[in-house]
Amino acid sequence: MTYEIGQANNALIYPGLGLGSIAVNSKLVTDEMISAYRPLVEAFAPC
């Protein structure tokens, strides 16, 4: 069996999450904020 692991998750999530946090002066990044990115990452995933 061969498994192909998508490595786009970190490359897509963290730059935008960091920039968004800075833009709104957020002092905390919650699980909900990270979960909100999920549909966007899935849209770009090759699988």
Protein backbone atom coordinates (compact mmCIF):
# COMPACT_ATOMS: atom_id res chain seq x y z
CA MET A 1 0.00 0.00 0.00
CA THR A 2 1.08 3.52 -0.70
CA TYR A 3 -0.22 6.49 1.22
CA GLU A 4 0.14 10.00 -0.11
CA ILE A 5 0.11 12.54 2.68
CA GLY A 6 -0.99 16.07 1.83
CA GLN A 7 1.55 18.52 3.19
CA ALA A 8 -0.32 21.67 2.21
CA ASN A 9 -2.02 22.05 5.59
CA ASN A 10 0.69 23.96 7.45
CA ALA A 11 1.79 25.92 4.40
CA LEU A 12 -1.75 27.17 3.87
CA ILE A 13 -3.02 27.64 7.40
CA TYR A 14 -0.30 29.28 9.45
CA PRO A 15 0.71 32.26 7.27
CA GLY A 16 -2.92 33.37 6.91
CA LEU A 17 -3.75 32.62 10.51
CA GLY A 18 -0.76 34.62 11.69
CA LEU A 19 -1.49 37.57 9.41
CA GLY A 20 -5.15 37.58 10.38
CA SER A 21 -4.26 37.48 14.06
CA ILE A 22 -1.90 40.42 13.66
CA ALA A 23 -4.42 42.37 11.57
CA VAL A 24 -7.09 42.20 14.27
CA ASN A 25 -4.66 42.45 17.22
CA SER A 26 -5.71 39.04 18.53
CA LYS A 27 -3.91 37.98 21.68
CA LEU A 28 -5.15 34.40 21.44
CA VAL A 29 -5.59 31.88 18.64
CA THR A 30 -8.39 29.49 19.51
CA ASP A 31 -9.24 26.04 18.22
CA GLU A 32 -12.28 27.58 16.57
CA MET A 33 -10.08 29.97 14.58
CA ILE A 34 -7.97 27.09 13.33
CA SER A 35 -11.06 25.01 12.55
CA ALA A 36 -12.49 27.87 10.48
CA TYR A 37 -9.60 27.39 8.02
CA ARG A 38 -10.45 23.74 7.44
CA PRO A 39 -12.85 24.25 4.49
CA LEU A 40 -10.29 26.48 2.79
CA VAL A 41 -7.49 23.95 3.17
CA GLU A 42 -9.72 21.14 1.95
CA ALA A 43 -10.56 23.15 -1.16
CA PHE A 44 -6.86 23.21 -2.11
CA ALA A 45 -6.03 19.64 -1.06
CA PRO A 46 -5.05 17.38 -3.97
CA CYS A 47 -7.04 14.39 -2.69
